[in-house]
Amino acid sequence: MTTQIKTLFQNARAYASSQGFEDKQFGTIEVVNNWNWWAGFKLSDFLTNVASYMRMGPMLGRERY
């Protein structure tokens, strides 16, 4: 999967270059494991920063099994 993601971004970078974008605008790509990404993120931080924007009514109102 890592190879596929890197290939996708290489192709996107090549296309952007062909459309006149400069290489310095792209930055770098690093594929990381989910644990590495979320390891320092506490549940309380998630609830404060992310969950406050979630609408629970529509989710709870749907009855699909």
PDB file of N, CA and C in Angstrom:
ATOM      1  N   MET A   1       0.824  -1.186   0.000  1.00  0.00           N
ATOM      2  CA  MET A   1       0.000   0.000   0.000  1.00  0.00           C
ATOM      3  C   MET A   1       0.876   1.260   0.000  1.00  0.00           C
ATOM      4  N   THR A   2       1.963   1.215   0.737  1.00  0.00           N
ATOM      5  CA  THR A   2       2.862   2.366   0.780  1.00  0.00           C
ATOM      6  C   THR A   2       3.384   2.700  -0.612  1.00  0.00           C
ATOM      7  N   THR A   3       3.732   1.675  -1.362  1.00  0.00           N
ATOM      8  CA  THR A   3       4.233   1.880  -2.722  1.00  0.00           C
ATOM      9  C   THR A   3       3.172   2.523  -3.603  1.00  0.00           C
ATOM     10  N   GLN A   4       1.928   2.082  -3.456  1.00  0.00           N
ATOM     11  CA  GLN A   4       0.842   2.641  -4.256  1.00  0.00           C
ATOM     12  C   GLN A   4       0.615   4.113  -3.932  1.00  0.00           C
ATOM     13  N   ILE A   5       0.664   4.452  -2.661  1.00  0.00           N
ATOM     14  CA  ILE A   5       0.461   5.849  -2.254  1.00  0.00           C
ATOM     15  C   ILE A   5       1.595   6.720  -2.782  1.00  0.00           C
ATOM     16  N   LYS A   6       2.819   6.230  -2.654  1.00  0.00           N
ATOM     17  CA  LYS A   6       3.964   7.003  -3.160  1.00  0.00           C
ATOM     18  C   LYS A   6       3.884   7.173  -4.673  1.00  0.00           C
ATOM     19  N   THR A   7       3.461   6.121  -5.380  1.00  0.00           N
ATOM     20  CA  THR A   7       3.305   6.208  -6.834  1.00  0.00           C
ATOM     21  C   THR A   7       2.232   7.219  -7.209  1.00  0.00           C
ATOM     22  N   LEU A   8       1.127   7.214  -6.473  1.00  0.00           N
ATOM     23  CA  LEU A   8       0.047   8.172  -6.715  1.00  0.00           C
ATOM     24  C   LEU A   8       0.564   9.602  -6.607  1.00  0.00           C
ATOM     25  N   PHE A   9       1.311   9.896  -5.552  1.00  0.00           N
ATOM     26  CA  PHE A   9       1.816  11.247  -5.366  1.00  0.00           C
ATOM     27  C   PHE A   9       2.895  11.599  -6.387  1.00  0.00           C
ATOM     28  N   GLN A  10       3.693  10.628  -6.808  1.00  0.00           N
ATOM     29  CA  GLN A  10       4.680  10.897  -7.861  1.00  0.00           C
ATOM     30  C   GLN A  10       3.983  11.257  -9.166  1.00  0.00           C
ATOM     31  N   ASN A  11       2.912  10.532  -9.479  1.00  0.00           N
ATOM     32  CA  ASN A  11       2.149  10.836 -10.694  1.00  0.00           C
ATOM     33  C   ASN A  11       1.477  12.202 -10.594  1.00  0.00           C
ATOM     34  N   ALA A  12       0.929  12.517  -9.426  1.00  0.00           N
ATOM     35  CA  ALA A  12       0.289  13.820  -9.233  1.00  0.00           C
ATOM     36  C   ALA A  12       1.317  14.946  -9.347  1.00  0.00           C
ATOM     37  N   ARG A  13       2.502  14.707  -8.807  1.00  0.00           N
ATOM     38  CA  ARG A  13       3.572  15.701  -8.888  1.00  0.00           C
ATOM     39  C   ARG A  13       4.003  15.919 -10.341  1.00  0.00           C
ATOM     40  N   ALA A  14       4.117  14.823 -11.096  1.00  0.00           N
ATOM     41  CA  ALA A  14       4.500  14.926 -12.505  1.00  0.00           C
ATOM     42  C   ALA A  14       3.435  15.687 -13.296  1.00  0.00           C
ATOM     43  N   TYR A  15       2.170  15.406 -13.013  1.00  0.00           N
ATOM     44  CA  TYR A  15       1.088  16.112 -13.706  1.00  0.00           C
ATOM     45  C   TYR A  15       1.106  17.599 -13.353  1.00  0.00           C
ATOM     46  N   ALA A  16       1.276  17.911 -12.058  1.00  0.00           N
ATOM     47  CA  ALA A  16       1.299  19.310 -11.643  1.00  0.00           C
ATOM     48  C   ALA A  16       2.465  20.049 -12.295  1.00  0.00           C
ATOM     49  N   SER A  17       3.597  19.382 -12.398  1.00  0.00           N
ATOM     50  CA  SER A  17       4.757  20.001 -13.064  1.00  0.00           C
ATOM     51  C   SER A  17       4.457  20.279 -14.529  1.00  0.00           C
ATOM     52  N   SER A  18       3.731  19.352 -15.164  1.00  0.00           N
ATOM     53  CA  SER A  18       3.391  19.554 -16.575  1.00  0.00           C
ATOM     54  C   SER A  18       2.394  20.696 -16.766  1.00  0.00           C
ATOM     55  N   GLN A  19       1.711  21.074 -15.690  1.00  0.00           N
ATOM     56  CA  GLN A  19       0.743  22.165 -15.757  1.00  0.00           C
ATOM     57  C   GLN A  19       1.336  23.499 -15.301  1.00  0.00           C
ATOM     58  N   GLY A  20       2.653  23.506 -15.021  1.00  0.00           N
ATOM     59  CA  GLY A  20       3.317  24.760 -14.703  1.00  0.00           C
ATOM     60  C   GLY A  20       3.569  25.026 -13.234  1.00  0.00           C
ATOM     61  N   PHE A  21       3.243  24.094 -12.355  1.00  0.00           N
ATOM     62  CA  PHE A  21       3.522  24.294 -10.937  1.00  0.00           C
ATOM     63  C   PHE A  21       4.987  24.016 -10.664  1.00  0.00           C
ATOM     64  N   GLU A  22       5.562  24.781  -9.756  1.00  0.00           N
ATOM     65  CA  GLU A  22       6.980  24.610  -9.433  1.00  0.00           C
ATOM     66  C   GLU A  22       7.161  23.502  -8.411  1.00  0.00           C
ATOM     67  N   ASP A  23       8.276  22.821  -8.497  1.00  0.00           N
ATOM     68  CA  ASP A  23       8.558  21.680  -7.625  1.00  0.00           C
ATOM     69  C   ASP A  23       8.631  22.072  -6.153  1.00  0.00           C
ATOM     70  N   LYS A  24       9.037  23.312  -5.869  1.00  0.00           N
ATOM     71  CA  LYS A  24       9.172  23.738  -4.473  1.00  0.00           C
ATOM     72  C   LYS A  24       7.812  23.891  -3.769  1.00  0.00           C
ATOM     73  N   GLN A  25       6.710  23.931  -4.526  1.00  0.00           N
ATOM     74  CA  GLN A  25       5.381  24.078  -3.935  1.00  0.00           C
ATOM     75  C   GLN A  25       4.838  22.766  -3.371  1.00  0.00           C
ATOM     76  N   PHE A  26       5.449  21.640  -3.688  1.00  0.00           N
ATOM     77  CA  PHE A  26       4.858  20.351  -3.355  1.00  0.00           C
ATOM     78  C   PHE A  26       5.125  19.888  -1.927  1.00  0.00           C
ATOM     79  N   GLY A  27       6.244  20.224  -1.368  1.00  0.00           N
ATOM     80  CA  GLY A  27       6.578  19.726  -0.040  1.00  0.00           C
ATOM     81  C   GLY A  27       7.034  18.281  -0.110  1.00  0.00           C
ATOM     82  N   THR A  28       6.972  17.592   1.028  1.00  0.00           N
ATOM     83  CA  THR A  28       7.401  16.199   1.072  1.00  0.00           C
ATOM     84  C   THR A  28       6.251  15.305   1.513  1.00  0.00           C
ATOM     85  N   ILE A  29       6.335  14.042   1.145  1.00  0.00           N
ATOM     86  CA  ILE A  29       5.319  13.056   1.493  1.00  0.00           C
ATOM     87  C   ILE A  29       5.961  12.014   2.403  1.00  0.00           C
ATOM     88  N   GLU A  30       5.298  11.722   3.503  1.00  0.00           N
ATOM     89  CA  GLU A  30       5.769  10.672   4.406  1.00  0.00           C
ATOM     90  C   GLU A  30       4.576   9.807   4.783  1.00  0.00           C
ATOM     91  N   VAL A  31       4.675   8.528   4.521  1.00  0.00           N
ATOM     92  CA  VAL A  31       3.613   7.584   4.868  1.00  0.00           C
ATOM     93  C   VAL A  31       3.925   7.040   6.251  1.00  0.00           C
ATOM     94  N   VAL A  32       2.982   7.198   7.178  1.00  0.00           N
ATOM     95  CA  VAL A  32       3.197   6.733   8.554  1.00  0.00           C
ATOM     96  C   VAL A  32       2.085   5.784   8.964  1.00  0.00           C
ATOM     97  N   ASN A  33       2.367   5.004   9.960  1.00  0.00           N
ATOM     98  CA  ASN A  33       1.413   4.078  10.536  1.00  0.00           C
ATOM     99  C   ASN A  33       0.366   4.861  11.340  1.00  0.00           C
ATOM    100  N   ASN A  34      -0.856   4.376  11.418  1.00  0.00           N
ATOM    101  CA  ASN A  34      -1.896   5.070  12.194  1.00  0.00           C
ATOM    102  C   ASN A  34      -1.490   5.265  13.647  1.00  0.00           C
ATOM    103  N   TRP A  35      -0.809   4.266  14.219  1.00  0.00           N
ATOM    104  CA  TRP A  35      -0.385   4.395  15.616  1.00  0.00           C
ATOM    105  C   TRP A  35       0.572   5.573  15.774  1.00  0.00           C
ATOM    106  N   ASN A  36       1.500   5.717  14.845  1.00  0.00           N
ATOM    107  CA  ASN A  36       2.437   6.829  14.914  1.00  0.00           C
ATOM    108  C   ASN A  36       1.720   8.159  14.788  1.00  0.00           C
ATOM    109  N   TRP A  37       0.672   8.188  14.012  1.00  0.00           N
ATOM    110  CA  TRP A  37      -0.085   9.421  13.780  1.00  0.00           C
ATOM    111  C   TRP A  37      -0.908   9.816  14.999  1.00  0.00           C
ATOM    112  N   TRP A  38      -1.574   8.843  15.632  1.00  0.00           N
ATOM    113  CA  TRP A  38      -2.512   9.114  16.717  1.00  0.00           C
ATOM    114  C   TRP A  38      -1.947   8.858  18.111  1.00  0.00           C
ATOM    115  N   ALA A  39      -0.709   8.402  18.247  1.00  0.00           N
ATOM    116  CA  ALA A  39      -0.150   8.001  19.548  1.00  0.00           C
ATOM    117  C   ALA A  39      -0.213   9.115  20.596  1.00  0.00           C
ATOM    118  N   GLY A  40       0.066  10.323  20.226  1.00  0.00           N
ATOM    119  CA  GLY A  40       0.078  11.419  21.187  1.00  0.00           C
ATOM    120  C   GLY A  40      -1.251  12.147  21.326  1.00  0.00           C
ATOM    121  N   PHE A  41      -2.279  11.655  20.660  1.00  0.00           N
ATOM    122  CA  PHE A  41      -3.573  12.333  20.661  1.00  0.00           C
ATOM    123  C   PHE A  41      -4.472  11.691  21.709  1.00  0.00           C
ATOM    124  N   LYS A  42      -4.821  12.422  22.732  1.00  0.00           N
ATOM    125  CA  LYS A  42      -5.639  11.899  23.831  1.00  0.00           C
ATOM    126  C   LYS A  42      -7.115  11.927  23.445  1.00  0.00           C
ATOM    127  N   LEU A  43      -7.888  11.025  24.040  1.00  0.00           N
ATOM    128  CA  LEU A  43      -9.321  10.968  23.771  1.00  0.00           C
ATOM    129  C   LEU A  43      -9.989  12.290  24.121  1.00  0.00           C
ATOM    130  N   SER A  44      -9.585  12.893  25.210  1.00  0.00           N
ATOM    131  CA  SER A  44     -10.188  14.172  25.603  1.00  0.00           C
ATOM    132  C   SER A  44      -9.912  15.262  24.562  1.00  0.00           C
ATOM    133  N   ASP A  45      -8.715  15.243  23.970  1.00  0.00           N
ATOM    134  CA  ASP A  45      -8.399  16.208  22.908  1.00  0.00           C
ATOM    135  C   ASP A  45      -9.262  15.956  21.685  1.00  0.00           C
ATOM    136  N   PHE A  46      -9.447  14.683  21.331  1.00  0.00           N
ATOM    137  CA  PHE A  46     -10.289  14.345  20.186  1.00  0.00           C
ATOM    138  C   PHE A  46     -11.711  14.824  20.413  1.00  0.00           C
ATOM    139  N   LEU A  47     -12.256  14.543  21.582  1.00  0.00           N
ATOM    140  CA  LEU A  47     -13.631  14.955  21.864  1.00  0.00           C
ATOM    141  C   LEU A  47     -13.778  16.469  21.851  1.00  0.00           C
ATOM    142  N   THR A  48     -12.781  17.165  22.329  1.00  0.00           N
ATOM    143  CA  THR A  48     -12.834  18.625  22.365  1.00  0.00           C
ATOM    144  C   THR A  48     -12.700  19.234  20.971  1.00  0.00           C
ATOM    145  N   ASN A  49     -11.735  18.747  20.201  1.00  0.00           N
ATOM    146  CA  ASN A  49     -11.402  19.378  18.919  1.00  0.00           C
ATOM    147  C   ASN A  49     -12.176  18.858  17.724  1.00  0.00           C
ATOM    148  N   VAL A  50     -12.554  17.598  17.733  1.00  0.00           N
ATOM    149  CA  VAL A  50     -13.164  16.996  16.556  1.00  0.00           C
ATOM    150  C   VAL A  50     -14.639  16.662  16.785  1.00  0.00           C
ATOM    151  N   ALA A  51     -14.924  15.987  17.873  1.00  0.00           N
ATOM    152  CA  ALA A  51     -16.281  15.492  18.095  1.00  0.00           C
ATOM    153  C   ALA A  51     -17.301  16.613  18.294  1.00  0.00           C
ATOM    154  N   SER A  52     -16.857  17.775  18.676  1.00  0.00           N
ATOM    155  CA  SER A  52     -17.801  18.876  18.881  1.00  0.00           C
ATOM    156  C   SER A  52     -18.461  19.309  17.573  1.00  0.00           C
ATOM    157  N   TYR A  53     -17.873  18.949  16.430  1.00  0.00           N
ATOM    158  CA  TYR A  53     -18.437  19.298  15.129  1.00  0.00           C
ATOM    159  C   TYR A  53     -19.314  18.192  14.550  1.00  0.00           C
ATOM    160  N   MET A  54     -19.415  17.063  15.225  1.00  0.00           N
ATOM    161  CA  MET A  54     -20.215  15.945  14.721  1.00  0.00           C
ATOM    162  C   MET A  54     -21.654  16.090  15.178  1.00  0.00           C
ATOM    163  N   ARG A  55     -22.561  15.850  14.264  1.00  0.00           N
ATOM    164  CA  ARG A  55     -23.984  15.915  14.581  1.00  0.00           C
ATOM    165  C   ARG A  55     -24.457  14.510  14.932  1.00  0.00           C
ATOM    166  N   MET A  56     -24.841  14.323  16.165  1.00  0.00           N
ATOM    167  CA  MET A  56     -25.225  12.987  16.635  1.00  0.00           C
ATOM    168  C   MET A  56     -26.670  12.650  16.293  1.00  0.00           C
ATOM    169  N   GLY A  57     -27.551  13.636  16.198  1.00  0.00           N
ATOM    170  CA  GLY A  57     -28.964  13.381  15.926  1.00  0.00           C
ATOM    171  C   GLY A  57     -29.188  12.550  14.672  1.00  0.00           C
ATOM    172  N   PRO A  58     -28.652  12.973  13.520  1.00  0.00           N
ATOM    173  CA  PRO A  58     -28.838  12.183  12.306  1.00  0.00           C
ATOM    174  C   PRO A  58     -28.252  10.773  12.408  1.00  0.00           C
ATOM    175  N   MET A  59     -27.128  10.643  13.101  1.00  0.00           N
ATOM    176  CA  MET A  59     -26.530   9.318  13.235  1.00  0.00           C
ATOM    177  C   MET A  59     -27.382   8.408  14.110  1.00  0.00           C
ATOM    178  N   LEU A  60     -27.898   8.957  15.180  1.00  0.00           N
ATOM    179  CA  LEU A  60     -28.711   8.150  16.082  1.00  0.00           C
ATOM    180  C   LEU A  60     -30.100   7.889  15.515  1.00  0.00           C
ATOM    181  N   GLY A  61     -30.585   8.752  14.638  1.00  0.00           N
ATOM    182  CA  GLY A  61     -31.906   8.593  14.063  1.00  0.00           C
ATOM    183  C   GLY A  61     -32.001   7.542  12.982  1.00  0.00           C
ATOM    184  N   ARG A  62     -30.882   7.141  12.424  1.00  0.00           N
ATOM    185  CA  ARG A  62     -30.888   6.144  11.362  1.00  0.00           C
ATOM    186  C   ARG A  62     -30.933   4.753  11.955  1.00  0.00           C
ATOM    187  N   GLU A  63     -31.832   3.961  11.430  1.00  0.00           N
ATOM    188  CA  GLU A  63     -31.949   2.590  11.914  1.00  0.00           C
ATOM    189  C   GLU A  63     -31.669   1.640  10.775  1.00  0.00           C
ATOM    190  N   ARG A  64     -30.429   1.286  10.602  1.00  0.00           N
ATOM    191  CA  ARG A  64     -30.041   0.321   9.577  1.00  0.00           C
ATOM    192  C   ARG A  64     -29.289  -0.794  10.243  1.00  0.00           C
ATOM    193  N   TYR A  65     -29.687  -1.983   9.939  1.00  0.00           N
ATOM    194  CA  TYR A  65     -29.033  -3.150  10.534  1.00  0.00           C
ATOM    195  C   TYR A  65     -28.506  -4.056   9.480  1.00  0.00           C
TER     196      TYR A  65
END
